[in-house]
Amino acid sequence: MHRHLPPSLAARLVPAPLLLLLGACGGDAPRPADNAVAATAAGAAAVPRIPPPSLEPERSPDSYRVRFETSKGAFVVQVKRSLAPRGADRFHELVRIGYFTGVRFFRLVPNFVVQFGIHGDPAVNTLWDTAAIPDDPIRSSNADGTIAFAASGANTRATQLFINTGNNARKLDGQRLFSPFGSVVDGMAVVRALNAEYGEEPNPSRIVRQGNRYLQQWFPALDSIVTAVIEPSVPTGDPPSRAPRE
């Protein structure tokens, strides 16, 4: 069952521009945080230097896999670019530059979603939080195990993602905002085991402004991403011939 927050708490968690979206879906839409503001001092863990978004995003492979090592274990996402090309390209860019290192899973609603993608360094959020990509038509349902970008309206996808941990076709597909571009093909048990004790309590706007310093202070038991890497592609041709044994 989905936990519905009292109005007073919901108002603190959700920026005003997103309240209409929540009203349309009963409070269950995966929503990104407010646009980034000027960076404050960060308490983030050591992470790679993150460059700004590319003006012309590099085209991702037609199919690729990303392995996430987390504080709870590993899971693997299989991406199919044909499902949501722009989403697949942005996801590939984020993984390639090491964006997800140290990123926390900040919103976990059992049988609904696991949401992540706000960087631990506010200075990085200043560069990336408003770097929205155009929408992709929905070609795949928000089924259990699929991954998509969070959105607060048309053409607002930036860095926040969610993994469906239930069949959310009825809740999400009709909104025409959430276009799955892949799915978890290994380690879904790890995704379901991520710490959900804080539910929807972490304030996304504060994460954007204060990064992991805020989460470490108030929600220290949140699970995090250690690394996210693109797995080497596997050749699809005929296997090499081998000399017969004598």
C-alpha atoms as a PDB file:
ATOM      1  CA  MET A   1       0.000   0.000   0.000  1.00  0.00           C
ATOM      2  CA  HIS A   2       1.245   3.490  -0.730  1.00  0.00           C
ATOM      3  CA  ARG A   3       1.791   5.824   2.174  1.00  0.00           C
ATOM      4  CA  HIS A   4      -0.011   9.147   1.782  1.00  0.00           C
ATOM      5  CA  LEU A   5       1.510  12.028   3.691  1.00  0.00           C
ATOM      6  CA  PRO A   6      -0.546  14.551   5.690  1.00  0.00           C
ATOM      7  CA  PRO A   7      -0.909  17.876   3.854  1.00  0.00           C
ATOM      8  CA  SER A   8       1.428  19.719   6.225  1.00  0.00           C
ATOM      9  CA  LEU A   9       4.283  17.285   5.622  1.00  0.00           C
ATOM     10  CA  ALA A  10       3.606  16.972   1.920  1.00  0.00           C
ATOM     11  CA  ALA A  11       3.845  20.743   1.557  1.00  0.00           C
ATOM     12  CA  ARG A  12       7.329  20.662   3.060  1.00  0.00           C
ATOM     13  CA  LEU A  13       8.473  17.866   0.789  1.00  0.00           C
ATOM     14  CA  VAL A  14       7.073  19.106  -2.475  1.00  0.00           C
ATOM     15  CA  PRO A  15       7.904  22.506  -4.037  1.00  0.00           C
ATOM     16  CA  ALA A  16       4.852  24.581  -4.899  1.00  0.00           C
ATOM     17  CA  PRO A  17       5.223  24.303  -8.701  1.00  0.00           C
ATOM     18  CA  LEU A  18       4.823  20.530  -8.411  1.00  0.00           C
ATOM     19  CA  LEU A  19       1.657  20.415  -6.312  1.00  0.00           C
ATOM     20  CA  LEU A  20      -0.591  20.333  -9.370  1.00  0.00           C
ATOM     21  CA  LEU A  21       1.192  17.268 -10.667  1.00  0.00           C
ATOM     22  CA  LEU A  22       0.785  15.522  -7.339  1.00  0.00           C
ATOM     23  CA  GLY A  23      -2.874  16.384  -7.196  1.00  0.00           C
ATOM     24  CA  ALA A  24      -3.398  14.796 -10.583  1.00  0.00           C
ATOM     25  CA  CYS A  25      -1.937  11.463  -9.518  1.00  0.00           C
ATOM     26  CA  GLY A  26      -2.787  11.184  -5.843  1.00  0.00           C
ATOM     27  CA  GLY A  27       0.678  12.081  -4.587  1.00  0.00           C
ATOM     28  CA  ASP A  28       2.443   9.201  -6.313  1.00  0.00           C
ATOM     29  CA  ALA A  29       4.256  10.754  -9.281  1.00  0.00           C
ATOM     30  CA  PRO A  30       8.047  10.509  -9.275  1.00  0.00           C
ATOM     31  CA  ARG A  31       8.903  14.192  -9.141  1.00  0.00           C
ATOM     32  CA  PRO A  32      12.220  15.995  -9.470  1.00  0.00           C
ATOM     33  CA  ALA A  33      13.275  18.657  -6.988  1.00  0.00           C
ATOM     34  CA  ASP A  34      13.119  22.411  -7.467  1.00  0.00           C
ATOM     35  CA  ASN A  35      15.502  24.092  -9.881  1.00  0.00           C
ATOM     36  CA  ALA A  36      18.950  24.469  -8.378  1.00  0.00           C
ATOM     37  CA  VAL A  37      19.942  27.638  -6.585  1.00  0.00           C
ATOM     38  CA  ALA A  38      23.349  29.055  -5.769  1.00  0.00           C
ATOM     39  CA  ALA A  39      25.601  26.363  -4.352  1.00  0.00           C
ATOM     40  CA  THR A  40      26.249  26.130  -0.633  1.00  0.00           C
ATOM     41  CA  ALA A  41      29.111  24.398   1.122  1.00  0.00           C
ATOM     42  CA  ALA A  42      29.011  20.682   0.362  1.00  0.00           C
ATOM     43  CA  GLY A  43      29.650  17.783   2.642  1.00  0.00           C
ATOM     44  CA  ALA A  44      29.741  15.247  -0.164  1.00  0.00           C
ATOM     45  CA  ALA A  45      32.023  12.253  -0.301  1.00  0.00           C
ATOM     46  CA  ALA A  46      34.979  12.286  -2.634  1.00  0.00           C
ATOM     47  CA  VAL A  47      33.605  11.942  -6.156  1.00  0.00           C
ATOM     48  CA  PRO A  48      34.966  12.457  -9.659  1.00  0.00           C
ATOM     49  CA  ARG A  49      35.009  15.980 -11.056  1.00  0.00           C
ATOM     50  CA  ILE A  50      31.735  16.282 -12.931  1.00  0.00           C
ATOM     51  CA  PRO A  51      31.723  18.337 -16.141  1.00  0.00           C
ATOM     52  CA  PRO A  52      28.699  20.402 -17.202  1.00  0.00           C
ATOM     53  CA  PRO A  53      26.091  18.898 -19.537  1.00  0.00           C
ATOM     54  CA  SER A  54      27.089  18.467 -23.163  1.00  0.00           C
ATOM     55  CA  LEU A  55      25.581  20.966 -25.579  1.00  0.00           C
ATOM     56  CA  GLU A  56      25.212  18.135 -28.074  1.00  0.00           C
ATOM     57  CA  PRO A  57      24.674  14.878 -26.149  1.00  0.00           C
ATOM     58  CA  GLU A  58      26.596  11.943 -27.539  1.00  0.00           C
ATOM     59  CA  ARG A  59      24.465   9.233 -29.095  1.00  0.00           C
ATOM     60  CA  SER A  60      24.408   6.189 -26.864  1.00  0.00           C
ATOM     61  CA  PRO A  61      24.697   2.621 -28.164  1.00  0.00           C
ATOM     62  CA  ASP A  62      21.472   0.982 -29.296  1.00  0.00           C
ATOM     63  CA  SER A  63      21.763  -1.360 -26.335  1.00  0.00           C
ATOM     64  CA  TYR A  64      24.017  -1.233 -23.295  1.00  0.00           C
ATOM     65  CA  ARG A  65      24.200  -2.380 -19.693  1.00  0.00           C
ATOM     66  CA  VAL A  66      25.067  -0.402 -16.571  1.00  0.00           C
ATOM     67  CA  ARG A  67      26.245  -2.086 -13.401  1.00  0.00           C
ATOM     68  CA  PHE A  68      25.469  -0.273 -10.162  1.00  0.00           C
ATOM     69  CA  GLU A  69      27.509  -1.174  -7.100  1.00  0.00           C
ATOM     70  CA  THR A  70      25.620   0.068  -4.063  1.00  0.00           C
ATOM     71  CA  SER A  71      25.991  -0.042  -0.296  1.00  0.00           C
ATOM     72  CA  LYS A  72      23.512  -2.932  -0.378  1.00  0.00           C
ATOM     73  CA  GLY A  73      24.926  -4.908  -3.312  1.00  0.00           C
ATOM     74  CA  ALA A  74      24.913  -4.800  -7.112  1.00  0.00           C
ATOM     75  CA  PHE A  75      22.211  -4.548  -9.759  1.00  0.00           C
ATOM     76  CA  VAL A  76      22.370  -4.281 -13.551  1.00  0.00           C
ATOM     77  CA  VAL A  77      20.235  -2.127 -15.858  1.00  0.00           C
ATOM     78  CA  GLN A  78      19.729  -3.095 -19.492  1.00  0.00           C
ATOM     79  CA  VAL A  79      19.056  -0.049 -21.702  1.00  0.00           C
ATOM     80  CA  LYS A  80      17.316  -0.155 -25.079  1.00  0.00           C
ATOM     81  CA  ARG A  81      17.726   3.142 -26.877  1.00  0.00           C
ATOM     82  CA  SER A  82      14.733   2.502 -29.143  1.00  0.00           C
ATOM     83  CA  LEU A  83      12.419   2.800 -26.119  1.00  0.00           C
ATOM     84  CA  ALA A  84      13.395   6.392 -25.251  1.00  0.00           C
ATOM     85  CA  PRO A  85      16.382   7.701 -27.247  1.00  0.00           C
ATOM     86  CA  ARG A  86      16.838  11.009 -25.437  1.00  0.00           C
ATOM     87  CA  GLY A  87      16.558   9.367 -22.038  1.00  0.00           C
ATOM     88  CA  ALA A  88      19.006   6.636 -23.018  1.00  0.00           C
ATOM     89  CA  ASP A  89      21.510   9.221 -24.289  1.00  0.00           C
ATOM     90  CA  ARG A  90      21.319  11.313 -21.100  1.00  0.00           C
ATOM     91  CA  PHE A  91      21.616   8.243 -18.864  1.00  0.00           C
ATOM     92  CA  HIS A  92      24.676   7.076 -20.824  1.00  0.00           C
ATOM     93  CA  GLU A  93      26.276  10.513 -20.420  1.00  0.00           C
ATOM     94  CA  LEU A  94      25.636  10.584 -16.672  1.00  0.00           C
ATOM     95  CA  VAL A  95      27.131   7.143 -16.182  1.00  0.00           C
ATOM     96  CA  ARG A  96      30.111   7.848 -18.437  1.00  0.00           C
ATOM     97  CA  ILE A  97      31.180  10.965 -16.485  1.00  0.00           C
ATOM     98  CA  GLY A  98      30.821   9.277 -13.090  1.00  0.00           C
ATOM     99  CA  TYR A  99      27.858  11.390 -12.021  1.00  0.00           C
ATOM    100  CA  PHE A 100      26.278   8.729  -9.797  1.00  0.00           C
ATOM    101  CA  THR A 101      29.263   8.096  -7.512  1.00  0.00           C
ATOM    102  CA  GLY A 102      28.132   8.738  -3.941  1.00  0.00           C
ATOM    103  CA  VAL A 103      24.542   9.573  -4.934  1.00  0.00           C
ATOM    104  CA  ARG A 104      21.897   8.520  -2.380  1.00  0.00           C
ATOM    105  CA  PHE A 105      18.620   6.689  -2.950  1.00  0.00           C
ATOM    106  CA  PHE A 106      16.487   9.381  -1.320  1.00  0.00           C
ATOM    107  CA  ARG A 107      12.872   8.386  -1.996  1.00  0.00           C
ATOM    108  CA  LEU A 108      11.762   4.814  -1.413  1.00  0.00           C
ATOM    109  CA  VAL A 109       8.116   3.798  -1.424  1.00  0.00           C
ATOM    110  CA  PRO A 110       7.692  -0.002  -1.269  1.00  0.00           C
ATOM    111  CA  ASN A 111       5.766  -1.482  -4.201  1.00  0.00           C
ATOM    112  CA  PHE A 112       6.003   1.863  -5.997  1.00  0.00           C
ATOM    113  CA  VAL A 113       9.406   3.447  -6.711  1.00  0.00           C
ATOM    114  CA  VAL A 114      13.024   3.871  -5.681  1.00  0.00           C
ATOM    115  CA  GLN A 115      14.164   7.374  -6.697  1.00  0.00           C
ATOM    116  CA  PHE A 116      17.693   8.799  -6.985  1.00  0.00           C
ATOM    117  CA  GLY A 117      19.813  11.149  -9.096  1.00  0.00           C
ATOM    118  CA  ILE A 118      20.357  14.341  -7.076  1.00  0.00           C
ATOM    119  CA  HIS A 119      24.107  14.816  -6.817  1.00  0.00           C
ATOM    120  CA  GLY A 120      25.870  15.036  -3.468  1.00  0.00           C
ATOM    121  CA  ASP A 121      27.632  18.287  -4.425  1.00  0.00           C
ATOM    122  CA  PRO A 122      25.374  21.375  -4.664  1.00  0.00           C
ATOM    123  CA  ALA A 123      27.742  22.951  -7.204  1.00  0.00           C
ATOM    124  CA  VAL A 124      27.083  20.030  -9.552  1.00  0.00           C
ATOM    125  CA  ASN A 125      23.349  20.393  -9.041  1.00  0.00           C
ATOM    126  CA  THR A 126      23.621  24.039 -10.052  1.00  0.00           C
ATOM    127  CA  LEU A 127      24.967  22.913 -13.437  1.00  0.00           C
ATOM    128  CA  TRP A 128      22.766  19.885 -14.008  1.00  0.00           C
ATOM    129  CA  ASP A 129      19.438  20.360 -12.245  1.00  0.00           C
ATOM    130  CA  THR A 130      18.088  22.689 -14.938  1.00  0.00           C
ATOM    131  CA  ALA A 131      19.672  20.827 -17.878  1.00  0.00           C
ATOM    132  CA  ALA A 132      16.382  19.364 -19.040  1.00  0.00           C
ATOM    133  CA  ILE A 133      16.042  17.144 -22.088  1.00  0.00           C
ATOM    134  CA  PRO A 134      13.013  16.960 -24.406  1.00  0.00           C
ATOM    135  CA  ASP A 135      10.421  14.321 -23.717  1.00  0.00           C
ATOM    136  CA  ASP A 136      10.370  10.906 -25.362  1.00  0.00           C
ATOM    137  CA  PRO A 137       7.103   9.291 -26.441  1.00  0.00           C
ATOM    138  CA  ILE A 138       6.149   6.424 -24.145  1.00  0.00           C
ATOM    139  CA  ARG A 139       6.866   3.164 -25.939  1.00  0.00           C
ATOM    140  CA  SER A 140       7.086   0.904 -22.887  1.00  0.00           C
ATOM    141  CA  SER A 141       4.913   0.646 -19.801  1.00  0.00           C
ATOM    142  CA  ASN A 142       6.075   1.506 -16.287  1.00  0.00           C
ATOM    143  CA  ALA A 143       6.166  -2.128 -15.301  1.00  0.00           C
ATOM    144  CA  ASP A 144       7.913  -3.596 -12.277  1.00  0.00           C
ATOM    145  CA  GLY A 145      11.694  -3.248 -12.687  1.00  0.00           C
ATOM    146  CA  THR A 146      11.688  -0.602 -15.410  1.00  0.00           C
ATOM    147  CA  ILE A 147      13.712   2.616 -15.090  1.00  0.00           C
ATOM    148  CA  ALA A 148      12.714   6.124 -16.224  1.00  0.00           C
ATOM    149  CA  PHE A 149      13.470   9.786 -15.548  1.00  0.00           C
ATOM    150  CA  ALA A 150      11.404  11.719 -13.028  1.00  0.00           C
ATOM    151  CA  ALA A 151       9.544  14.770 -14.365  1.00  0.00           C
ATOM    152  CA  SER A 152       7.398  17.644 -13.090  1.00  0.00           C
ATOM    153  CA  GLY A 153       5.852  18.515 -16.440  1.00  0.00           C
ATOM    154  CA  ALA A 154       6.628  18.530 -20.129  1.00  0.00           C
ATOM    155  CA  ASN A 155      10.336  18.568 -21.043  1.00  0.00           C
ATOM    156  CA  THR A 156      11.630  18.671 -17.454  1.00  0.00           C
ATOM    157  CA  ARG A 157      13.737  15.489 -17.291  1.00  0.00           C
ATOM    158  CA  ALA A 158      17.271  16.212 -16.053  1.00  0.00           C
ATOM    159  CA  THR A 159      19.123  13.803 -13.727  1.00  0.00           C
ATOM    160  CA  GLN A 160      16.590  12.252 -11.357  1.00  0.00           C
ATOM    161  CA  LEU A 161      15.538   8.704 -12.084  1.00  0.00           C
ATOM    162  CA  PHE A 162      13.317   6.088 -10.550  1.00  0.00           C
ATOM    163  CA  ILE A 163      13.053   2.324 -10.694  1.00  0.00           C
ATOM    164  CA  ASN A 164       9.542   0.960 -10.552  1.00  0.00           C
ATOM    165  CA  THR A 165       9.214  -1.575  -7.735  1.00  0.00           C
ATOM    166  CA  GLY A 166       5.624  -2.369  -8.621  1.00  0.00           C
ATOM    167  CA  ASN A 167       3.479  -2.389 -11.730  1.00  0.00           C
ATOM    168  CA  ASN A 168       2.761   1.327 -12.110  1.00  0.00           C
ATOM    169  CA  ALA A 169       1.211   1.316 -15.573  1.00  0.00           C
ATOM    170  CA  ARG A 170      -2.138   2.635 -14.339  1.00  0.00           C
ATOM    171  CA  LYS A 171      -0.606   5.359 -12.187  1.00  0.00           C
ATOM    172  CA  LEU A 172       2.080   6.651 -14.515  1.00  0.00           C
ATOM    173  CA  ASP A 173       1.600   5.720 -18.167  1.00  0.00           C
ATOM    174  CA  GLY A 174      -1.419   7.944 -18.673  1.00  0.00           C
ATOM    175  CA  GLN A 175       0.482  11.049 -17.577  1.00  0.00           C
ATOM    176  CA  ARG A 176       2.683  10.768 -20.688  1.00  0.00           C
ATOM    177  CA  LEU A 177       5.711  12.012 -18.732  1.00  0.00           C
ATOM    178  CA  PHE A 178       7.576   8.914 -17.640  1.00  0.00           C
ATOM    179  CA  SER A 179       9.219   7.029 -20.511  1.00  0.00           C
ATOM    180  CA  PRO A 180      11.047   3.863 -19.446  1.00  0.00           C
ATOM    181  CA  PHE A 181      14.292   3.360 -21.358  1.00  0.00           C
ATOM    182  CA  GLY A 182      15.355   0.075 -19.804  1.00  0.00           C
ATOM    183  CA  SER A 183      14.906  -2.323 -16.932  1.00  0.00           C
ATOM    184  CA  VAL A 184      16.763  -4.065 -14.138  1.00  0.00           C
ATOM    185  CA  VAL A 185      17.845  -7.459 -15.473  1.00  0.00           C
ATOM    186  CA  ASP A 186      19.919  -8.611 -12.515  1.00  0.00           C
ATOM    187  CA  GLY A 187      19.801  -7.730  -8.835  1.00  0.00           C
ATOM    188  CA  MET A 188      16.207  -6.575  -8.471  1.00  0.00           C
ATOM    189  CA  ALA A 189      16.280  -8.111  -4.993  1.00  0.00           C
ATOM    190  CA  VAL A 190      19.003  -5.577  -4.135  1.00  0.00           C
ATOM    191  CA  VAL A 191      16.798  -2.721  -5.362  1.00  0.00           C
ATOM    192  CA  ARG A 192      13.928  -3.934  -3.190  1.00  0.00           C
ATOM    193  CA  ALA A 193      16.274  -4.267  -0.192  1.00  0.00           C
ATOM    194  CA  LEU A 194      17.465  -0.629  -0.297  1.00  0.00           C
ATOM    195  CA  ASN A 195      16.717   1.112   2.989  1.00  0.00           C
ATOM    196  CA  ALA A 196      13.184   2.505   2.920  1.00  0.00           C
ATOM    197  CA  GLU A 197      12.913   3.511   6.590  1.00  0.00           C
ATOM    198  CA  TYR A 198      12.700   7.239   5.744  1.00  0.00           C
ATOM    199  CA  GLY A 199      10.129   6.806   2.977  1.00  0.00           C
ATOM    200  CA  GLU A 200       9.488  10.216   1.423  1.00  0.00           C
ATOM    201  CA  GLU A 201      10.844  12.287   4.321  1.00  0.00           C
ATOM    202  CA  PRO A 202      14.085  13.585   2.708  1.00  0.00           C
ATOM    203  CA  ASN A 203      13.360  17.003   1.243  1.00  0.00           C
ATOM    204  CA  PRO A 204      14.460  17.055  -2.422  1.00  0.00           C
ATOM    205  CA  SER A 205      14.902  20.826  -2.492  1.00  0.00           C
ATOM    206  CA  ARG A 206      17.288  20.673   0.438  1.00  0.00           C
ATOM    207  CA  ILE A 207      19.252  17.882  -1.219  1.00  0.00           C
ATOM    208  CA  VAL A 208      19.675  20.088  -4.288  1.00  0.00           C
ATOM    209  CA  ARG A 209      20.878  23.016  -2.149  1.00  0.00           C
ATOM    210  CA  GLN A 210      22.931  21.154   0.465  1.00  0.00           C
ATOM    211  CA  GLY A 211      23.789  17.826  -1.133  1.00  0.00           C
ATOM    212  CA  ASN A 212      24.875  14.791   0.848  1.00  0.00           C
ATOM    213  CA  ARG A 213      25.745  16.941   3.872  1.00  0.00           C
ATOM    214  CA  TYR A 214      22.013  17.327   4.545  1.00  0.00           C
ATOM    215  CA  LEU A 215      21.277  13.643   3.983  1.00  0.00           C
ATOM    216  CA  GLN A 216      24.164  12.479   6.132  1.00  0.00           C
ATOM    217  CA  GLN A 217      23.020  14.677   8.998  1.00  0.00           C
ATOM    218  CA  TRP A 218      19.342  13.794   8.992  1.00  0.00           C
ATOM    219  CA  PHE A 219      19.080  10.487   7.108  1.00  0.00           C
ATOM    220  CA  PRO A 220      22.410   8.737   7.704  1.00  0.00           C
ATOM    221  CA  ALA A 221      21.147   5.234   6.970  1.00  0.00           C
ATOM    222  CA  LEU A 222      20.170   5.918   3.347  1.00  0.00           C
ATOM    223  CA  ASP A 223      21.819   3.563   0.879  1.00  0.00           C
ATOM    224  CA  SER A 224      24.092   5.009  -1.773  1.00  0.00           C
ATOM    225  CA  ILE A 225      25.717   4.259  -5.110  1.00  0.00           C
ATOM    226  CA  VAL A 226      29.383   3.328  -4.857  1.00  0.00           C
ATOM    227  CA  THR A 227      29.973   3.162  -8.615  1.00  0.00           C
ATOM    228  CA  ALA A 228      27.948   2.979 -11.817  1.00  0.00           C
ATOM    229  CA  VAL A 229      29.803   1.767 -14.896  1.00  0.00           C
ATOM    230  CA  ILE A 230      28.931   0.777 -18.436  1.00  0.00           C
ATOM    231  CA  GLU A 231      29.640  -2.902 -18.905  1.00  0.00           C
ATOM    232  CA  PRO A 232      31.799  -3.966 -21.854  1.00  0.00           C
ATOM    233  CA  SER A 233      29.708  -4.983 -24.847  1.00  0.00           C
ATOM    234  CA  VAL A 234      29.516  -8.676 -25.644  1.00  0.00           C
ATOM    235  CA  PRO A 235      30.279  -9.653 -29.271  1.00  0.00           C
ATOM    236  CA  THR A 236      27.229 -10.987 -31.054  1.00  0.00           C
ATOM    237  CA  GLY A 237      28.950 -12.743 -33.975  1.00  0.00           C
ATOM    238  CA  ASP A 238      29.872 -16.392 -34.316  1.00  0.00           C
ATOM    239  CA  PRO A 239      32.229 -17.673 -31.604  1.00  0.00           C
ATOM    240  CA  PRO A 240      35.832 -18.045 -32.670  1.00  0.00           C
ATOM    241  CA  SER A 241      36.780 -21.432 -34.050  1.00  0.00           C
ATOM    242  CA  ARG A 242      38.872 -23.682 -31.855  1.00  0.00           C
ATOM    243  CA  ALA A 243      41.367 -26.306 -32.878  1.00  0.00           C
ATOM    244  CA  PRO A 244      40.164 -29.818 -32.038  1.00  0.00           C
ATOM    245  CA  ARG A 245      41.898 -31.515 -29.187  1.00  0.00           C
ATOM    246  CA  GLU A 246      44.104 -34.459 -29.992  1.00  0.00           C
END
